């Protein structure tokens, strides 16, 4: 599922080193301690997903203002469509949401992980 193109791997490493303030906040204050493992800046197909949980095939994207309209919005929609065809569910949050409703963002991620775990496991086997 992950792409091994050298240019994407190099870009992903750079993006991990140069995370945005919002990405750092979500990573260090929630995802890096989350009981189900997430990975940062994960190459999949020809894309790099901000945060990816392979166990439940969940991608989390944080979008700045440039994602709100025009060609970037179309690109994001196509990207989400292609990833969803692989079974990957994408949650999108704006940078503003991270700062103004951090607990809500974390709750949405947690709820989605648990829902996706429940749909994969026999009833009663979720231990988070």
N, C-alpha and C. Protein backbone atom coordinates (compact mmCIF):
# COMPACT_ATOMS: atom_id res chain seq x y z
N UNK A 1 0.81 -1.18 0.00
CA UNK A 1 0.00 0.00 0.00
C UNK A 1 0.86 1.26 0.00
N UNK A 2 1.92 1.27 0.77
CA UNK A 2 2.76 2.45 0.80
C UNK A 2 3.63 2.50 -0.44
N UNK A 3 3.96 3.70 -0.83
CA UNK A 3 4.75 3.90 -2.03
C UNK A 3 6.23 3.99 -1.66
N UNK A 4 7.07 3.38 -2.44
CA UNK A 4 8.48 3.38 -2.14
C UNK A 4 9.28 4.27 -3.09
N UNK A 5 8.60 5.20 -3.77
CA UNK A 5 9.33 6.12 -4.64
C UNK A 5 10.29 6.94 -3.79
N UNK A 6 11.53 6.98 -4.21
CA UNK A 6 12.56 7.66 -3.43
C UNK A 6 12.25 9.14 -3.22
N UNK A 7 11.71 9.82 -4.24
CA UNK A 7 11.40 11.24 -4.09
C UNK A 7 10.31 11.47 -3.04
N UNK A 8 9.33 10.56 -2.97
CA UNK A 8 8.29 10.71 -1.94
C UNK A 8 8.82 10.40 -0.55
N UNK A 9 9.68 9.40 -0.46
CA UNK A 9 10.27 9.09 0.85
C UNK A 9 11.10 10.26 1.36
N UNK A 10 11.86 10.88 0.47
CA UNK A 10 12.68 12.03 0.85
C UNK A 10 11.80 13.19 1.28
N UNK A 11 10.74 13.44 0.52
CA UNK A 11 9.81 14.53 0.86
C UNK A 11 9.12 14.25 2.19
N UNK A 12 8.72 13.00 2.43
CA UNK A 12 8.06 12.65 3.68
C UNK A 12 9.00 12.88 4.87
N UNK A 13 10.25 12.51 4.74
CA UNK A 13 11.23 12.75 5.82
C UNK A 13 11.35 14.25 6.10
N UNK A 14 11.42 15.04 5.04
CA UNK A 14 11.50 16.49 5.20
C UNK A 14 10.26 17.03 5.90
N UNK A 15 9.09 16.57 5.48
CA UNK A 15 7.84 17.03 6.11
C UNK A 15 7.76 16.63 7.58
N UNK A 16 8.31 15.47 7.94
CA UNK A 16 8.34 15.08 9.36
C UNK A 16 9.23 16.01 10.17
N UNK A 17 10.35 16.41 9.57
CA UNK A 17 11.26 17.33 10.28
C UNK A 17 10.68 18.74 10.37
N UNK A 18 9.88 19.12 9.38
CA UNK A 18 9.39 20.50 9.29
C UNK A 18 7.87 20.57 9.44
N UNK A 19 7.35 19.88 10.44
CA UNK A 19 5.90 19.88 10.66
C UNK A 19 5.41 21.30 10.94
N UNK A 20 4.16 21.56 10.54
CA UNK A 20 3.54 22.84 10.87
C UNK A 20 3.24 22.88 12.37
N UNK A 21 2.93 24.05 12.88
CA UNK A 21 2.57 24.18 14.30
C UNK A 21 1.38 23.30 14.64
N UNK A 22 0.41 23.27 13.72
CA UNK A 22 -0.80 22.48 13.96
C UNK A 22 -0.48 20.98 13.96
N UNK A 23 0.36 20.55 13.04
CA UNK A 23 0.75 19.14 13.00
C UNK A 23 1.51 18.75 14.26
N UNK A 24 2.43 19.62 14.70
CA UNK A 24 3.18 19.34 15.95
C UNK A 24 2.23 19.23 17.14
N UNK A 25 1.27 20.15 17.20
CA UNK A 25 0.31 20.15 18.31
C UNK A 25 -0.48 18.83 18.32
N UNK A 26 -1.04 18.44 17.18
CA UNK A 26 -1.83 17.21 17.13
C UNK A 26 -0.96 15.99 17.41
N UNK A 27 0.25 15.98 16.87
CA UNK A 27 1.13 14.82 17.06
C UNK A 27 1.58 14.69 18.52
N UNK A 28 2.21 15.74 19.05
CA UNK A 28 2.82 15.63 20.38
C UNK A 28 1.79 15.67 21.52
N UNK A 29 0.65 16.29 21.28
CA UNK A 29 -0.33 16.41 22.36
C UNK A 29 -1.46 15.39 22.27
N UNK A 30 -1.42 14.51 21.24
CA UNK A 30 -2.47 13.49 21.15
C UNK A 30 -2.00 12.22 20.45
N UNK A 31 -1.67 12.30 19.17
CA UNK A 31 -1.46 11.09 18.36
C UNK A 31 -0.26 10.25 18.76
N UNK A 32 0.84 10.86 19.17
CA UNK A 32 2.03 10.05 19.49
C UNK A 32 1.81 9.20 20.74
N UNK A 33 0.84 9.57 21.57
CA UNK A 33 0.54 8.81 22.79
C UNK A 33 -0.70 7.94 22.63
N UNK A 34 -1.34 8.02 21.49
CA UNK A 34 -2.59 7.29 21.27
C UNK A 34 -2.30 5.79 21.29
N UNK A 35 -3.18 4.98 21.89
CA UNK A 35 -2.90 3.55 22.03
C UNK A 35 -2.84 2.77 20.71
N UNK A 36 -3.47 3.26 19.65
CA UNK A 36 -3.36 2.63 18.34
C UNK A 36 -2.37 3.49 17.55
N UNK A 37 -1.36 2.84 16.99
CA UNK A 37 -0.23 3.57 16.40
C UNK A 37 -0.60 4.36 15.14
N UNK A 38 -0.18 5.62 15.13
CA UNK A 38 -0.25 6.49 13.96
C UNK A 38 1.16 6.74 13.46
N UNK A 39 1.28 7.00 12.18
CA UNK A 39 2.55 7.37 11.56
C UNK A 39 2.41 8.76 10.97
N UNK A 40 3.51 9.50 10.99
CA UNK A 40 3.51 10.86 10.44
C UNK A 40 3.97 10.84 8.99
N UNK A 41 3.36 11.71 8.19
CA UNK A 41 3.78 11.94 6.81
C UNK A 41 4.06 10.62 6.08
N UNK A 42 3.00 9.86 5.89
CA UNK A 42 3.11 8.52 5.32
C UNK A 42 2.85 8.52 3.82
N UNK A 43 3.82 8.10 3.00
CA UNK A 43 3.58 8.00 1.55
C UNK A 43 2.62 6.84 1.24
N UNK A 44 1.57 7.14 0.48
CA UNK A 44 0.61 6.15 0.01
C UNK A 44 0.24 6.55 -1.41
N UNK A 45 0.36 5.61 -2.34
CA UNK A 45 0.24 5.91 -3.77
C UNK A 45 1.24 7.01 -4.08
N UNK A 46 0.78 8.08 -4.74
CA UNK A 46 1.71 9.19 -5.02
C UNK A 46 1.48 10.36 -4.07
N UNK A 47 0.83 10.09 -2.95
CA UNK A 47 0.48 11.13 -1.98
C UNK A 47 1.25 10.93 -0.68
N UNK A 48 1.25 11.98 0.13
CA UNK A 48 1.78 11.87 1.49
C UNK A 48 0.65 12.29 2.43
N UNK A 49 0.23 11.35 3.27
CA UNK A 49 -0.86 11.59 4.21
C UNK A 49 -0.24 12.14 5.50
N UNK A 50 -0.82 13.22 6.03
CA UNK A 50 -0.26 13.86 7.23
C UNK A 50 -0.07 12.85 8.37
N UNK A 51 -1.14 12.14 8.72
CA UNK A 51 -1.07 11.12 9.77
C UNK A 51 -1.85 9.91 9.28
N UNK A 52 -1.28 8.73 9.53
CA UNK A 52 -1.92 7.51 9.02
C UNK A 52 -1.87 6.41 10.07
N UNK A 53 -3.02 5.78 10.27
CA UNK A 53 -3.13 4.64 11.19
C UNK A 53 -3.38 3.39 10.35
N UNK A 54 -2.33 2.57 10.13
CA UNK A 54 -2.50 1.40 9.26
C UNK A 54 -3.47 0.36 9.81
N UNK A 55 -3.57 0.24 11.13
CA UNK A 55 -4.43 -0.79 11.72
C UNK A 55 -5.89 -0.61 11.32
N UNK A 56 -6.34 0.64 11.18
CA UNK A 56 -7.74 0.89 10.82
C UNK A 56 -7.86 1.62 9.49
N UNK A 57 -6.77 1.75 8.78
CA UNK A 57 -6.73 2.43 7.48
C UNK A 57 -7.41 3.80 7.57
N UNK A 58 -6.87 4.63 8.46
CA UNK A 58 -7.39 5.98 8.69
C UNK A 58 -6.30 7.00 8.42
N UNK A 59 -6.61 7.96 7.58
CA UNK A 59 -5.72 9.09 7.34
C UNK A 59 -6.31 10.33 7.97
N UNK A 60 -5.46 11.15 8.55
CA UNK A 60 -5.88 12.42 9.12
C UNK A 60 -5.10 13.52 8.40
N UNK A 61 -5.84 14.47 7.84
CA UNK A 61 -5.25 15.57 7.10
C UNK A 61 -5.57 16.88 7.80
N UNK A 62 -4.57 17.73 7.94
CA UNK A 62 -4.76 19.08 8.46
C UNK A 62 -4.57 20.04 7.31
N UNK A 63 -5.58 20.86 7.09
CA UNK A 63 -5.58 21.74 5.93
C UNK A 63 -5.50 23.20 6.32
N UNK A 64 -4.60 23.92 5.67
CA UNK A 64 -4.50 25.36 5.82
C UNK A 64 -5.50 26.04 4.90
N UNK A 65 -5.47 27.36 4.87
CA UNK A 65 -6.40 28.15 4.07
C UNK A 65 -6.35 27.81 2.58
N UNK A 66 -5.19 27.42 2.07
CA UNK A 66 -5.03 27.15 0.64
C UNK A 66 -5.86 25.96 0.17
N UNK A 67 -6.36 25.15 1.10
CA UNK A 67 -7.14 23.96 0.74
C UNK A 67 -8.63 24.26 0.58
N UNK A 68 -9.04 25.49 0.84
CA UNK A 68 -10.46 25.81 0.90
C UNK A 68 -11.12 26.04 -0.45
N UNK A 69 -10.35 26.27 -1.50
CA UNK A 69 -11.00 26.57 -2.77
C UNK A 69 -10.09 26.26 -3.96
N UNK A 70 -10.67 26.35 -5.14
CA UNK A 70 -9.92 26.25 -6.39
C UNK A 70 -9.34 24.89 -6.67
N UNK A 71 -8.19 24.90 -7.33
CA UNK A 71 -7.58 23.66 -7.78
C UNK A 71 -7.12 22.79 -6.62
N UNK A 72 -6.73 23.39 -5.51
CA UNK A 72 -6.31 22.60 -4.35
C UNK A 72 -7.49 21.80 -3.79
N UNK A 73 -8.66 22.40 -3.76
CA UNK A 73 -9.86 21.70 -3.28
C UNK A 73 -10.17 20.52 -4.21
N UNK A 74 -10.08 20.73 -5.51
CA UNK A 74 -10.31 19.64 -6.47
C UNK A 74 -9.28 18.53 -6.30
N UNK A 75 -8.02 18.91 -6.13
CA UNK A 75 -6.94 17.94 -5.92
C UNK A 75 -7.22 17.11 -4.67
N UNK A 76 -7.60 17.78 -3.58
CA UNK A 76 -7.89 17.08 -2.32
C UNK A 76 -9.06 16.10 -2.48
N UNK A 77 -10.08 16.51 -3.22
CA UNK A 77 -11.23 15.63 -3.43
C UNK A 77 -10.83 14.40 -4.23
N UNK A 78 -10.03 14.58 -5.27
CA UNK A 78 -9.56 13.44 -6.08
C UNK A 78 -8.68 12.52 -5.24
N UNK A 79 -7.81 13.11 -4.46
CA UNK A 79 -6.91 12.36 -3.59
C UNK A 79 -7.69 11.53 -2.59
N UNK A 80 -8.68 12.13 -1.95
CA UNK A 80 -9.53 11.42 -0.99
C UNK A 80 -10.27 10.28 -1.68
N UNK A 81 -10.77 10.54 -2.88
CA UNK A 81 -11.49 9.52 -3.64
C UNK A 81 -10.58 8.32 -3.95
N UNK A 82 -9.38 8.60 -4.42
CA UNK A 82 -8.44 7.51 -4.76
C UNK A 82 -8.05 6.71 -3.53
N UNK A 83 -7.80 7.39 -2.42
CA UNK A 83 -7.44 6.69 -1.19
C UNK A 83 -8.61 5.87 -0.66
N UNK A 84 -9.82 6.41 -0.78
CA UNK A 84 -10.99 5.68 -0.29
C UNK A 84 -11.24 4.41 -1.11
N UNK A 85 -10.87 4.43 -2.38
CA UNK A 85 -11.00 3.22 -3.20
C UNK A 85 -10.08 2.11 -2.69
N UNK A 86 -9.05 2.48 -1.94
CA UNK A 86 -8.14 1.51 -1.32
C UNK A 86 -8.62 1.10 0.08
N UNK A 87 -9.73 1.65 0.52
CA UNK A 87 -10.25 1.34 1.85
C UNK A 87 -9.78 2.28 2.93
N UNK A 88 -9.08 3.34 2.55
CA UNK A 88 -8.57 4.31 3.52
C UNK A 88 -9.59 5.42 3.71
N UNK A 89 -9.98 5.64 4.96
CA UNK A 89 -10.92 6.71 5.29
C UNK A 89 -10.09 7.94 5.68
N UNK A 90 -10.45 9.09 5.13
CA UNK A 90 -9.71 10.33 5.41
C UNK A 90 -10.57 11.26 6.25
N UNK A 91 -10.03 11.68 7.37
CA UNK A 91 -10.62 12.75 8.19
C UNK A 91 -9.86 14.03 7.88
N UNK A 92 -10.58 15.10 7.60
CA UNK A 92 -9.95 16.39 7.32
C UNK A 92 -10.36 17.41 8.38
N UNK A 93 -9.36 18.14 8.84
CA UNK A 93 -9.61 19.23 9.79
C UNK A 93 -8.85 20.44 9.29
N UNK A 94 -9.40 21.61 9.56
CA UNK A 94 -8.68 22.83 9.22
C UNK A 94 -7.69 23.14 10.35
N UNK A 95 -6.68 23.91 10.02
CA UNK A 95 -5.74 24.36 11.05
C UNK A 95 -6.49 25.12 12.15
N UNK A 96 -7.48 25.89 11.74
CA UNK A 96 -8.26 26.66 12.71
C UNK A 96 -8.96 25.74 13.70
N UNK A 97 -9.51 24.61 13.21
CA UNK A 97 -10.17 23.65 14.11
C UNK A 97 -9.20 23.11 15.15
N UNK A 98 -7.96 22.88 14.75
CA UNK A 98 -6.96 22.35 15.69
C UNK A 98 -6.77 23.32 16.84
N UNK A 99 -6.77 24.64 16.56
CA UNK A 99 -6.55 25.62 17.62
C UNK A 99 -7.83 25.95 18.38
N UNK A 100 -8.96 25.99 17.69
CA UNK A 100 -10.20 26.43 18.34
C UNK A 100 -11.01 25.30 18.97
N UNK A 101 -10.78 24.07 18.52
CA UNK A 101 -11.56 22.94 19.05
C UNK A 101 -10.69 21.69 19.10
N UNK A 102 -9.55 21.78 19.74
CA UNK A 102 -8.61 20.66 19.79
C UNK A 102 -9.25 19.41 20.38
N UNK A 103 -9.99 19.56 21.46
CA UNK A 103 -10.61 18.37 22.07
C UNK A 103 -11.63 17.75 21.12
N UNK A 104 -12.34 18.54 20.35
CA UNK A 104 -13.29 18.01 19.38
C UNK A 104 -12.59 17.25 18.26
N UNK A 105 -11.44 17.76 17.81
CA UNK A 105 -10.64 17.07 16.79
C UNK A 105 -10.18 15.72 17.33
N UNK A 106 -9.66 15.73 18.55
CA UNK A 106 -9.18 14.48 19.16
C UNK A 106 -10.31 13.49 19.37
N UNK A 107 -11.46 13.97 19.80
CA UNK A 107 -12.62 13.10 19.99
C UNK A 107 -13.08 12.49 18.66
N UNK A 108 -13.06 13.28 17.59
CA UNK A 108 -13.48 12.77 16.28
C UNK A 108 -12.52 11.67 15.80
N UNK A 109 -11.22 11.88 16.01
CA UNK A 109 -10.24 10.87 15.63
C UNK A 109 -10.46 9.61 16.46
N UNK A 110 -10.59 9.77 17.77
CA UNK A 110 -10.78 8.63 18.66
C UNK A 110 -12.04 7.85 18.29
N UNK A 111 -13.13 8.54 18.07
CA UNK A 111 -14.39 7.89 17.71
C UNK A 111 -14.26 7.13 16.39
N UNK A 112 -13.58 7.73 15.41
CA UNK A 112 -13.41 7.07 14.11
C UNK A 112 -12.54 5.82 14.23
N UNK A 113 -11.46 5.91 15.00
CA UNK A 113 -10.61 4.73 15.21
C UNK A 113 -11.43 3.62 15.85
N UNK A 114 -12.15 3.93 16.91
CA UNK A 114 -12.94 2.92 17.60
C UNK A 114 -14.03 2.34 16.70
N UNK A 115 -14.69 3.17 15.93
CA UNK A 115 -15.72 2.68 15.00
C UNK A 115 -15.11 1.73 13.97
N UNK A 116 -13.95 2.09 13.45
CA UNK A 116 -13.31 1.25 12.43
C UNK A 116 -12.76 -0.04 13.04
N UNK A 117 -12.28 0.02 14.28
CA UNK A 117 -11.86 -1.20 14.96
C UNK A 117 -13.04 -2.12 15.19
N UNK A 118 -14.16 -1.56 15.64
CA UNK A 118 -15.36 -2.37 15.91
C UNK A 118 -15.86 -3.04 14.65
N UNK A 119 -15.75 -2.38 13.52
CA UNK A 119 -16.24 -2.97 12.28
C UNK A 119 -15.34 -4.09 11.78
N UNK A 120 -14.13 -4.20 12.32
CA UNK A 120 -13.18 -5.23 11.89
C UNK A 120 -13.09 -6.41 12.85
N UNK A 121 -13.51 -6.21 14.10
CA UNK A 121 -13.32 -7.23 15.13
C UNK A 121 -14.66 -7.82 15.56
N UNK A 122 -14.63 -9.06 16.05
CA UNK A 122 -15.85 -9.62 16.64
C UNK A 122 -16.29 -8.76 17.82
N UNK A 123 -17.57 -8.71 18.07
CA UNK A 123 -18.12 -7.88 19.13
C UNK A 123 -17.43 -8.14 20.47
N UNK A 124 -17.12 -7.05 21.17
CA UNK A 124 -16.54 -7.16 22.50
C UNK A 124 -15.02 -7.25 22.53
N UNK A 125 -14.34 -7.13 21.40
CA UNK A 125 -12.88 -7.28 21.38
C UNK A 125 -12.13 -5.96 21.23
N UNK A 126 -12.75 -4.84 21.51
CA UNK A 126 -12.07 -3.56 21.40
C UNK A 126 -11.49 -3.20 22.76
N UNK A 127 -10.18 -3.02 22.82
CA UNK A 127 -9.50 -2.73 24.09
C UNK A 127 -8.68 -1.46 23.94
N UNK A 128 -9.33 -0.33 23.91
CA UNK A 128 -8.61 0.96 23.85
C UNK A 128 -8.91 1.71 25.12
